[in-house]
Each structure stands twice: as C-alpha cells, then as structure tokens.
Amino acid sequence: MYEKEPYVYVPIKFTGLRPGEKIKEELLMLEEGLKKTSNKLIHIGKQIDIDEKTFINELRELRDAAQKNDEATAMKALHKIVPTFTTPEEFNKKALQD
C-alpha cells in the first residue's frame, strides 16, 4: 500500500504560521485604488502618495533598530512604514480567536 490515509496512517498537526511564512501574497493593496479593466485578469493600481522625508526617516528608524537587534522597535517602525504588515504571531492569535 503506497497511499496513506490522513489521520489514520499519518498524523496531521496544525501549528499555524511560522516566522517568515506568509498566508497570502498581496500584489496590490486596497489603498492603491484597484481598478478593473475590460480584461478580468488585468487590473490597474494607483501608486500611493508618500512624503519622501517621512519615509526616509521611518526607514532610518527601522535600519537603526535592526542594527541594534531591537526587535520591538523594529516591528513598530515596520508597522509605521507598512500599516498592513502582520507578524505570524499576530496572524495566529487572530486565527485562533475566530
């Protein structure tokens, strides 16, 4: 017998996301004003306007935290730069509550 029946011959354990793992890849965000075209497979996104000075300062903050190996500050800086960012821990906590 080459095929194994799940849960009978092969135990399956759900553990959630691991660090660095993503549940999905978002090519465009809602903030980009996704517009449909006549081809249902093609969409147009509008670039998000950013303030260059603010972005550079936030990026420096992230870099400095990373160089100091300060994970908490790095995560805060990353959330400021990418508000939709979710850590695997945050995702797992939310998924377990649902």
PDB file of N, CA and C in Angstrom:
ATOM      1  N   MET A   1       0.839  -1.182   0.000  1.00  0.00           N
ATOM      2  CA  MET A   1       0.000   0.000   0.000  1.00  0.00           C
ATOM      3  C   MET A   1       0.882   1.242   0.000  1.00  0.00           C
ATOM      4  N   TYR A   2       0.817   2.053  -1.046  1.00  0.00           N
ATOM      5  CA  TYR A   2       1.651   3.236  -1.169  1.00  0.00           C
ATOM      6  C   TYR A   2       0.964   4.491  -0.662  1.00  0.00           C
ATOM      7  N   GLU A   3      -0.335   4.513  -0.712  1.00  0.00           N
ATOM      8  CA  GLU A   3      -1.054   5.700  -0.268  1.00  0.00           C
ATOM      9  C   GLU A   3      -1.409   5.561   1.205  1.00  0.00           C
ATOM     10  N   LYS A   4      -1.216   6.646   1.927  1.00  0.00           N
ATOM     11  CA  LYS A   4      -1.548   6.660   3.353  1.00  0.00           C
ATOM     12  C   LYS A   4      -2.767   7.542   3.567  1.00  0.00           C
ATOM     13  N   GLU A   5      -3.660   7.091   4.384  1.00  0.00           N
ATOM     14  CA  GLU A   5      -4.872   7.854   4.664  1.00  0.00           C
ATOM     15  C   GLU A   5      -4.589   8.851   5.782  1.00  0.00           C
ATOM     16  N   PRO A   6      -4.845  10.160   5.530  1.00  0.00           N
ATOM     17  CA  PRO A   6      -4.597  11.168   6.564  1.00  0.00           C
ATOM     18  C   PRO A   6      -5.365  10.852   7.852  1.00  0.00           C
ATOM     19  N   TYR A   7      -4.737  11.147   8.954  1.00  0.00           N
ATOM     20  CA  TYR A   7      -5.274  10.946  10.305  1.00  0.00           C
ATOM     21  C   TYR A   7      -5.351   9.479  10.713  1.00  0.00           C
ATOM     22  N   VAL A   8      -5.242   8.560   9.774  1.00  0.00           N
ATOM     23  CA  VAL A   8      -5.265   7.136  10.116  1.00  0.00           C
ATOM     24  C   VAL A   8      -3.830   6.624  10.165  1.00  0.00           C
ATOM     25  N   TYR A   9      -3.110   6.754   9.060  1.00  0.00           N
ATOM     26  CA  TYR A   9      -1.735   6.277   8.987  1.00  0.00           C
ATOM     27  C   TYR A   9      -0.710   7.388   9.201  1.00  0.00           C
ATOM     28  N   VAL A  10      -1.133   8.607   8.918  1.00  0.00           N
ATOM     29  CA  VAL A  10      -0.222   9.744   9.007  1.00  0.00           C
ATOM     30  C   VAL A  10      -0.854  10.813   9.900  1.00  0.00           C
ATOM     31  N   PRO A  11      -0.254  11.101  11.052  1.00  0.00           N
ATOM     32  CA  PRO A  11      -0.816  12.156  11.906  1.00  0.00           C
ATOM     33  C   PRO A  11      -0.613  13.531  11.272  1.00  0.00           C
ATOM     34  N   ILE A  12      -1.616  14.403  11.409  1.00  0.00           N
ATOM     35  CA  ILE A  12      -1.525  15.763  10.894  1.00  0.00           C
ATOM     36  C   ILE A  12      -1.731  16.709  12.062  1.00  0.00           C
ATOM     37  N   LYS A  13      -0.802  17.633  12.204  1.00  0.00           N
ATOM     38  CA  LYS A  13      -0.862  18.590  13.304  1.00  0.00           C
ATOM     39  C   LYS A  13      -0.833  20.001  12.727  1.00  0.00           C
ATOM     40  N   PHE A  14      -1.832  20.830  13.023  1.00  0.00           N
ATOM     41  CA  PHE A  14      -1.895  22.204  12.551  1.00  0.00           C
ATOM     42  C   PHE A  14      -1.202  23.094  13.579  1.00  0.00           C
ATOM     43  N   THR A  15      -0.188  23.813  13.126  1.00  0.00           N
ATOM     44  CA  THR A  15       0.609  24.621  14.045  1.00  0.00           C
ATOM     45  C   THR A  15       0.530  26.113  13.791  1.00  0.00           C
ATOM     46  N   GLY A  16      -0.076  26.538  12.692  1.00  0.00           N
ATOM     47  CA  GLY A  16      -0.144  27.960  12.362  1.00  0.00           C
ATOM     48  C   GLY A  16       1.071  28.388  11.563  1.00  0.00           C
ATOM     49  N   LEU A  17       1.161  29.687  11.297  1.00  0.00           N
ATOM     50  CA  LEU A  17       2.281  30.218  10.535  1.00  0.00           C
ATOM     51  C   LEU A  17       3.548  30.206  11.379  1.00  0.00           C
ATOM     52  N   ARG A  18       4.669  30.040  10.706  1.00  0.00           N
ATOM     53  CA  ARG A  18       5.962  30.114  11.362  1.00  0.00           C
ATOM     54  C   ARG A  18       6.616  31.428  10.976  1.00  0.00           C
ATOM     55  N   PRO A  19       7.599  31.893  11.752  1.00  0.00           N
ATOM     56  CA  PRO A  19       8.248  33.172  11.429  1.00  0.00           C
ATOM     57  C   PRO A  19       8.735  33.207   9.979  1.00  0.00           C
ATOM     58  N   GLY A  20       8.392  34.302   9.280  1.00  0.00           N
ATOM     59  CA  GLY A  20       8.798  34.467   7.895  1.00  0.00           C
ATOM     60  C   GLY A  20       7.838  33.886   6.885  1.00  0.00           C
ATOM     61  N   GLU A  21       6.856  33.114   7.343  1.00  0.00           N
ATOM     62  CA  GLU A  21       5.905  32.470   6.445  1.00  0.00           C
ATOM     63  C   GLU A  21       4.699  33.387   6.228  1.00  0.00           C
ATOM     64  N   LYS A  22       4.180  33.416   4.998  1.00  0.00           N
ATOM     65  CA  LYS A  22       3.024  34.251   4.688  1.00  0.00           C
ATOM     66  C   LYS A  22       1.849  33.386   4.271  1.00  0.00           C
ATOM     67  N   ILE A  23       0.661  33.799   4.664  1.00  0.00           N
ATOM     68  CA  ILE A  23      -0.545  33.060   4.300  1.00  0.00           C
ATOM     69  C   ILE A  23      -0.977  33.408   2.880  1.00  0.00           C
ATOM     70  N   LYS A  24      -0.675  34.644   2.443  1.00  0.00           N
ATOM     71  CA  LYS A  24      -1.038  35.050   1.091  1.00  0.00           C
ATOM     72  C   LYS A  24      -0.114  36.177   0.652  1.00  0.00           C
ATOM     73  N   GLU A  25      -0.069  36.405  -0.619  1.00  0.00           N
ATOM     74  CA  GLU A  25       0.745  37.473  -1.189  1.00  0.00           C
ATOM     75  C   GLU A  25      -0.189  38.510  -1.789  1.00  0.00           C
ATOM     76  N   GLU A  26      -0.082  39.731  -1.315  1.00  0.00           N
ATOM     77  CA  GLU A  26      -0.903  40.813  -1.842  1.00  0.00           C
ATOM     78  C   GLU A  26      -0.079  41.589  -2.855  1.00  0.00           C
ATOM     79  N   LEU A  27      -0.463  41.530  -4.100  1.00  0.00           N
ATOM     80  CA  LEU A  27       0.250  42.270  -5.124  1.00  0.00           C
ATOM     81  C   LEU A  27      -0.125  43.742  -5.105  1.00  0.00           C
ATOM     82  N   LEU A  28      -1.373  44.024  -4.771  1.00  0.00           N
ATOM     83  CA  LEU A  28      -1.848  45.400  -4.653  1.00  0.00           C
ATOM     84  C   LEU A  28      -2.659  45.528  -3.376  1.00  0.00           C
ATOM     85  N   MET A  29      -2.600  46.698  -2.764  1.00  0.00           N
ATOM     86  CA  MET A  29      -3.367  46.934  -1.552  1.00  0.00           C
ATOM     87  C   MET A  29      -4.602  47.760  -1.874  1.00  0.00           C
ATOM     88  N   LEU A  30      -5.580  47.728  -0.985  1.00  0.00           N
ATOM     89  CA  LEU A  30      -6.814  48.488  -1.183  1.00  0.00           C
ATOM     90  C   LEU A  30      -6.539  49.979  -1.333  1.00  0.00           C
ATOM     91  N   GLU A  31      -5.493  50.473  -0.637  1.00  0.00           N
ATOM     92  CA  GLU A  31      -5.156  51.893  -0.694  1.00  0.00           C
ATOM     93  C   GLU A  31      -4.745  52.327  -2.096  1.00  0.00           C
ATOM     94  N   GLU A  32      -4.404  51.365  -2.940  1.00  0.00           N
ATOM     95  CA  GLU A  32      -3.936  51.695  -4.278  1.00  0.00           C
ATOM     96  C   GLU A  32      -5.073  51.884  -5.275  1.00  0.00           C
ATOM     97  N   GLY A  33      -6.307  51.837  -4.822  1.00  0.00           N
ATOM     98  CA  GLY A  33      -7.438  52.119  -5.689  1.00  0.00           C
ATOM     99  C   GLY A  33      -7.509  51.203  -6.891  1.00  0.00           C
ATOM    100  N   LEU A  34      -7.511  49.928  -6.658  1.00  0.00           N
ATOM    101  CA  LEU A  34      -7.528  48.926  -7.723  1.00  0.00           C
ATOM    102  C   LEU A  34      -8.721  49.136  -8.651  1.00  0.00           C
ATOM    103  N   LYS A  35      -8.435  49.268  -9.955  1.00  0.00           N
ATOM    104  CA  LYS A  35      -9.487  49.461 -10.951  1.00  0.00           C
ATOM    105  C   LYS A  35      -9.500  48.291 -11.919  1.00  0.00           C
ATOM    106  N   LYS A  36     -10.695  47.859 -12.270  1.00  0.00           N
ATOM    107  CA  LYS A  36     -10.853  46.770 -13.234  1.00  0.00           C
ATOM    108  C   LYS A  36     -10.666  47.303 -14.651  1.00  0.00           C
ATOM    109  N   THR A  37     -10.338  46.398 -15.561  1.00  0.00           N
ATOM    110  CA  THR A  37     -10.254  46.745 -16.980  1.00  0.00           C
ATOM    111  C   THR A  37     -11.203  45.820 -17.733  1.00  0.00           C
ATOM    112  N   SER A  38     -11.254  45.952 -19.044  1.00  0.00           N
ATOM    113  CA  SER A  38     -12.136  45.085 -19.830  1.00  0.00           C
ATOM    114  C   SER A  38     -11.689  43.623 -19.762  1.00  0.00           C
ATOM    115  N   ASN A  39     -10.416  43.397 -19.455  1.00  0.00           N
ATOM    116  CA  ASN A  39      -9.901  42.034 -19.270  1.00  0.00           C
ATOM    117  C   ASN A  39      -9.954  41.719 -17.782  1.00  0.00           C
ATOM    118  N   LYS A  40     -10.718  40.701 -17.398  1.00  0.00           N
ATOM    119  CA  LYS A  40     -10.908  40.415 -15.962  1.00  0.00           C
ATOM    120  C   LYS A  40      -9.623  39.984 -15.258  1.00  0.00           C
ATOM    121  N   LEU A  41      -8.575  39.659 -16.004  1.00  0.00           N
ATOM    122  CA  LEU A  41      -7.304  39.260 -15.408  1.00  0.00           C
ATOM    123  C   LEU A  41      -6.340  40.433 -15.237  1.00  0.00           C
ATOM    124  N   ILE A  42      -6.718  41.585 -15.754  1.00  0.00           N
ATOM    125  CA  ILE A  42      -5.839  42.758 -15.690  1.00  0.00           C
ATOM    126  C   ILE A  42      -6.500  43.850 -14.857  1.00  0.00           C
ATOM    127  N   HIS A  43      -5.755  44.367 -13.884  1.00  0.00           N
ATOM    128  CA  HIS A  43      -6.222  45.454 -13.033  1.00  0.00           C
ATOM    129  C   HIS A  43      -5.178  46.563 -13.043  1.00  0.00           C
ATOM    130  N   ILE A  44      -5.610  47.775 -12.723  1.00  0.00           N
ATOM    131  CA  ILE A  44      -4.719  48.922 -12.669  1.00  0.00           C
ATOM    132  C   ILE A  44      -4.705  49.452 -11.242  1.00  0.00           C
ATOM    133  N   GLY A  45      -3.510  49.666 -10.721  1.00  0.00           N
ATOM    134  CA  GLY A  45      -3.370  50.217  -9.382  1.00  0.00           C
ATOM    135  C   GLY A  45      -2.769  51.605  -9.440  1.00  0.00           C
ATOM    136  N   LYS A  46      -3.229  52.491  -8.562  1.00  0.00           N
ATOM    137  CA  LYS A  46      -2.698  53.850  -8.485  1.00  0.00           C
ATOM    138  C   LYS A  46      -1.631  53.865  -7.396  1.00  0.00           C
ATOM    139  N   GLN A  47      -0.480  54.410  -7.708  1.00  0.00           N
ATOM    140  CA  GLN A  47       0.602  54.470  -6.735  1.00  0.00           C
ATOM    141  C   GLN A  47       0.183  55.277  -5.513  1.00  0.00           C
ATOM    142  N   ILE A  48       0.559  54.817  -4.338  1.00  0.00           N
ATOM    143  CA  ILE A  48       0.247  55.520  -3.100  1.00  0.00           C
ATOM    144  C   ILE A  48       1.178  56.723  -2.975  1.00  0.00           C
ATOM    145  N   ASP A  49       0.597  57.891  -2.670  1.00  0.00           N
ATOM    146  CA  ASP A  49       1.415  59.083  -2.455  1.00  0.00           C
ATOM    147  C   ASP A  49       2.093  58.985  -1.095  1.00  0.00           C
ATOM    148  N   ILE A  50       3.401  59.214  -1.065  1.00  0.00           N
ATOM    149  CA  ILE A  50       4.126  59.199   0.204  1.00  0.00           C
ATOM    150  C   ILE A  50       4.965  60.461   0.306  1.00  0.00           C
ATOM    151  N   ASP A  51       5.194  60.879   1.530  1.00  0.00           N
ATOM    152  CA  ASP A  51       6.086  62.002   1.790  1.00  0.00           C
ATOM    153  C   ASP A  51       7.496  61.442   1.900  1.00  0.00           C
ATOM    154  N   GLU A  52       8.371  61.844   0.978  1.00  0.00           N
ATOM    155  CA  GLU A  52       9.716  61.268   0.900  1.00  0.00           C
ATOM    156  C   GLU A  52      10.511  61.448   2.194  1.00  0.00           C
ATOM    157  N   LYS A  53      10.459  62.628   2.798  1.00  0.00           N
ATOM    158  CA  LYS A  53      11.222  62.883   4.032  1.00  0.00           C
ATOM    159  C   LYS A  53      10.741  61.984   5.172  1.00  0.00           C
ATOM    160  N   THR A  54       9.419  61.860   5.304  1.00  0.00           N
ATOM    161  CA  THR A  54       8.853  61.000   6.351  1.00  0.00           C
ATOM    162  C   THR A  54       9.263  59.552   6.125  1.00  0.00           C
ATOM    163  N   PHE A  55       9.175  59.103   4.866  1.00  0.00           N
ATOM    164  CA  PHE A  55       9.540  57.726   4.548  1.00  0.00           C
ATOM    165  C   PHE A  55      11.009  57.457   4.866  1.00  0.00           C
ATOM    166  N   ILE A  56      11.909  58.369   4.486  1.00  0.00           N
ATOM    167  CA  ILE A  56      13.339  58.192   4.749  1.00  0.00           C
ATOM    168  C   ILE A  56      13.599  58.131   6.257  1.00  0.00           C
ATOM    169  N   ASN A  57      12.925  58.997   7.032  1.00  0.00           N
ATOM    170  CA  ASN A  57      13.095  58.979   8.497  1.00  0.00           C
ATOM    171  C   ASN A  57      12.612  57.661   9.097  1.00  0.00           C
ATOM    172  N   GLU A  58      11.455  57.173   8.617  1.00  0.00           N
ATOM    173  CA  GLU A  58      10.930  55.902   9.123  1.00  0.00           C
ATOM    174  C   GLU A  58      11.844  54.746   8.730  1.00  0.00           C
ATOM    175  N   LEU A  59      12.405  54.806   7.534  1.00  0.00           N
ATOM    176  CA  LEU A  59      13.319  53.770   7.078  1.00  0.00           C
ATOM    177  C   LEU A  59      14.606  53.769   7.918  1.00  0.00           C
ATOM    178  N   ARG A  60      15.095  54.956   8.254  1.00  0.00           N
ATOM    179  CA  ARG A  60      16.281  55.055   9.123  1.00  0.00           C
ATOM    180  C   ARG A  60      15.986  54.473  10.504  1.00  0.00           C
ATOM    181  N   GLU A  61      14.791  54.761  11.003  1.00  0.00           N
ATOM    182  CA  GLU A  61      14.382  54.231  12.308  1.00  0.00           C
ATOM    183  C   GLU A  61      14.383  52.693  12.283  1.00  0.00           C
ATOM    184  N   LEU A  62      13.871  52.132  11.203  1.00  0.00           N
ATOM    185  CA  LEU A  62      13.863  50.672  11.046  1.00  0.00           C
ATOM    186  C   LEU A  62      15.286  50.139  10.946  1.00  0.00           C
ATOM    187  N   ARG A  63      16.121  50.792  10.130  1.00  0.00           N
ATOM    188  CA  ARG A  63      17.515  50.364   9.979  1.00  0.00           C
ATOM    189  C   ARG A  63      18.253  50.396  11.314  1.00  0.00           C
ATOM    190  N   ASP A  64      18.103  51.496  12.070  1.00  0.00           N
ATOM    191  CA  ASP A  64      18.796  51.639  13.350  1.00  0.00           C
ATOM    192  C   ASP A  64      18.371  50.554  14.334  1.00  0.00           C
ATOM    193  N   ALA A  65      17.072  50.273  14.366  1.00  0.00           N
ATOM    194  CA  ALA A  65      16.574  49.227  15.266  1.00  0.00           C
ATOM    195  C   ALA A  65      17.123  47.861  14.862  1.00  0.00           C
ATOM    196  N   ALA A  66      17.183  47.617  13.565  1.00  0.00           N
ATOM    197  CA  ALA A  66      17.715  46.332  13.076  1.00  0.00           C
ATOM    198  C   ALA A  66      19.200  46.203  13.414  1.00  0.00           C
ATOM    199  N   GLN A  67      19.955  47.278  13.257  1.00  0.00           N
ATOM    200  CA  GLN A  67      21.388  47.243  13.564  1.00  0.00           C
ATOM    201  C   GLN A  67      21.636  47.010  15.052  1.00  0.00           C
ATOM    202  N   LYS A  68      20.716  47.487  15.900  1.00  0.00           N
ATOM    203  CA  LYS A  68      20.833  47.289  17.352  1.00  0.00           C
ATOM    204  C   LYS A  68      20.204  45.969  17.789  1.00  0.00           C
ATOM    205  N   ASN A  69      19.619  45.248  16.823  1.00  0.00           N
ATOM    206  CA  ASN A  69      18.918  43.994  17.111  1.00  0.00           C
ATOM    207  C   ASN A  69      17.773  44.218  18.100  1.00  0.00           C
ATOM    208  N   ASP A  70      17.100  45.374  17.967  1.00  0.00           N
ATOM    209  CA  ASP A  70      15.979  45.760  18.828  1.00  0.00           C
ATOM    210  C   ASP A  70      14.682  45.375  18.103  1.00  0.00           C
ATOM    211  N   GLU A  71      14.225  44.162  18.348  1.00  0.00           N
ATOM    212  CA  GLU A  71      13.077  43.628  17.610  1.00  0.00           C
ATOM    213  C   GLU A  71      11.798  44.430  17.844  1.00  0.00           C
ATOM    214  N   ALA A  72      11.539  44.828  19.075  1.00  0.00           N
ATOM    215  CA  ALA A  72      10.297  45.557  19.383  1.00  0.00           C
ATOM    216  C   ALA A  72      10.242  46.886  18.637  1.00  0.00           C
ATOM    217  N   THR A  73      11.338  47.635  18.654  1.00  0.00           N
ATOM    218  CA  THR A  73      11.376  48.920  17.954  1.00  0.00           C
ATOM    219  C   THR A  73      11.315  48.710  16.446  1.00  0.00           C
ATOM    220  N   ALA A  74      11.980  47.674  15.953  1.00  0.00           N
ATOM    221  CA  ALA A  74      11.955  47.373  14.517  1.00  0.00           C
ATOM    222  C   ALA A  74      10.530  47.055  14.069  1.00  0.00           C
ATOM    223  N   MET A  75       9.800  46.285  14.857  1.00  0.00           N
ATOM    224  CA  MET A  75       8.418  45.940  14.499  1.00  0.00           C
ATOM    225  C   MET A  75       7.525  47.176  14.485  1.00  0.00           C
ATOM    226  N   LYS A  76       7.710  48.062  15.457  1.00  0.00           N
ATOM    227  CA  LYS A  76       6.927  49.309  15.482  1.00  0.00           C
ATOM    228  C   LYS A  76       7.233  50.146  14.246  1.00  0.00           C
ATOM    229  N   ALA A  77       8.517  50.235  13.889  1.00  0.00           N
ATOM    230  CA  ALA A  77       8.918  51.016  12.713  1.00  0.00           C
ATOM    231  C   ALA A  77       8.359  50.387  11.441  1.00  0.00           C
ATOM    232  N   LEU A  78       8.402  49.075  11.368  1.00  0.00           N
ATOM    233  CA  LEU A  78       7.869  48.378  10.191  1.00  0.00           C
ATOM    234  C   LEU A  78       6.368  48.598  10.054  1.00  0.00           C
ATOM    235  N   HIS A  79       5.651  48.570  11.176  1.00  0.00           N
ATOM    236  CA  HIS A  79       4.201  48.827  11.147  1.00  0.00           C
ATOM    237  C   HIS A  79       3.898  50.261  10.708  1.00  0.00           C
ATOM    238  N   LYS A  80       4.772  51.214  11.056  1.00  0.00           N
ATOM    239  CA  LYS A  80       4.560  52.590  10.606  1.00  0.00           C
ATOM    240  C   LYS A  80       4.732  52.691   9.089  1.00  0.00           C
ATOM    241  N   ILE A  81       5.736  51.993   8.567  1.00  0.00           N
ATOM    242  CA  ILE A  81       6.012  52.051   7.131  1.00  0.00           C
ATOM    243  C   ILE A  81       4.975  51.263   6.338  1.00  0.00           C
ATOM    244  N   VAL A  82       4.603  50.084   6.850  1.00  0.00           N
ATOM    245  CA  VAL A  82       3.654  49.196   6.164  1.00  0.00           C
ATOM    246  C   VAL A  82       2.524  48.871   7.139  1.00  0.00           C
ATOM    247  N   PRO A  83       1.500  49.731   7.212  1.00  0.00           N
ATOM    248  CA  PRO A  83       0.422  49.544   8.195  1.00  0.00           C
ATOM    249  C   PRO A  83      -0.299  48.199   8.079  1.00  0.00           C
ATOM    250  N   THR A  84      -0.292  47.585   6.908  1.00  0.00           N
ATOM    251  CA  THR A  84      -0.997  46.302   6.733  1.00  0.00           C
ATOM    252  C   THR A  84      -0.133  45.102   7.118  1.00  0.00           C
ATOM    253  N   PHE A  85       1.121  45.337   7.530  1.00  0.00           N
ATOM    254  CA  PHE A  85       2.009  44.242   7.915  1.00  0.00           C
ATOM    255  C   PHE A  85       1.459  43.499   9.125  1.00  0.00           C
ATOM    256  N   THR A  86       1.498  42.181   9.065  1.00  0.00           N
ATOM    257  CA  THR A  86       1.060  41.337  10.178  1.00  0.00           C
ATOM    258  C   THR A  86       2.120  40.293  10.454  1.00  0.00           C
ATOM    259  N   THR A  87       2.553  40.184  11.701  1.00  0.00           N
ATOM    260  CA  THR A  87       3.528  39.158  12.048  1.00  0.00           C
ATOM    261  C   THR A  87       2.823  37.803  12.104  1.00  0.00           C
ATOM    262  N   PRO A  88       3.565  36.702  11.957  1.00  0.00           N
ATOM    263  CA  PRO A  88       2.938  35.379  12.094  1.00  0.00           C
ATOM    264  C   PRO A  88       2.249  35.217  13.450  1.00  0.00           C
ATOM    265  N   GLU A  89       2.843  35.781  14.501  1.00  0.00           N
ATOM    266  CA  GLU A  89       2.243  35.677  15.832  1.00  0.00           C
ATOM    267  C   GLU A  89       0.894  36.389  15.896  1.00  0.00           C
ATOM    268  N   GLU A  90       0.818  37.589  15.305  1.00  0.00           N
ATOM    269  CA  GLU A  90      -0.447  38.329  15.274  1.00  0.00           C
ATOM    270  C   GLU A  90      -1.494  37.572  14.457  1.00  0.00           C
ATOM    271  N   PHE A  91      -1.060  37.032  13.324  1.00  0.00           N
ATOM    272  CA  PHE A  91      -1.976  36.271  12.474  1.00  0.00           C
ATOM    273  C   PHE A  91      -2.507  35.044  13.217  1.00  0.00           C
ATOM    274  N   ASN A  92      -1.612  34.293  13.848  1.00  0.00           N
ATOM    275  CA  ASN A  92      -2.024  33.073  14.566  1.00  0.00           C
ATOM    276  C   ASN A  92      -2.964  33.389  15.714  1.00  0.00           C
ATOM    277  N   LYS A  93      -2.678  34.465  16.438  1.00  0.00           N
ATOM    278  CA  LYS A  93      -3.543  34.848  17.581  1.00  0.00           C
ATOM    279  C   LYS A  93      -4.959  35.155  17.078  1.00  0.00           C
ATOM    280  N   LYS A  94      -5.033  35.936  15.995  1.00  0.00           N
ATOM    281  CA  LYS A  94      -6.336  36.284  15.430  1.00  0.00           C
ATOM    282  C   LYS A  94      -7.040  35.043  14.874  1.00  0.00           C
ATOM    283  N   ALA A  95      -6.306  34.189  14.177  1.00  0.00           N
ATOM    284  CA  ALA A  95      -6.894  32.988  13.570  1.00  0.00           C
ATOM    285  C   ALA A  95      -7.441  32.044  14.638  1.00  0.00           C
ATOM    286  N   LEU A  96      -6.768  31.968  15.780  1.00  0.00           N
ATOM    287  CA  LEU A  96      -7.237  31.085  16.849  1.00  0.00           C
ATOM    288  C   LEU A  96      -8.468  31.638  17.543  1.00  0.00           C
ATOM    289  N   GLN A  97      -8.674  32.966  17.492  1.00  0.00           N
ATOM    290  CA  GLN A  97      -9.855  33.586  18.120  1.00  0.00           C
ATOM    291  C   GLN A  97     -11.098  33.393  17.275  1.00  0.00           C
ATOM    292  N   ASP A  98     -10.937  33.301  15.962  1.00  0.00           N
ATOM    293  CA  ASP A  98     -12.095  33.165  15.050  1.00  0.00           C
ATOM    294  C   ASP A  98     -12.727  31.798  15.124  1.00  0.00           C
TER     295      ASP A  98
END
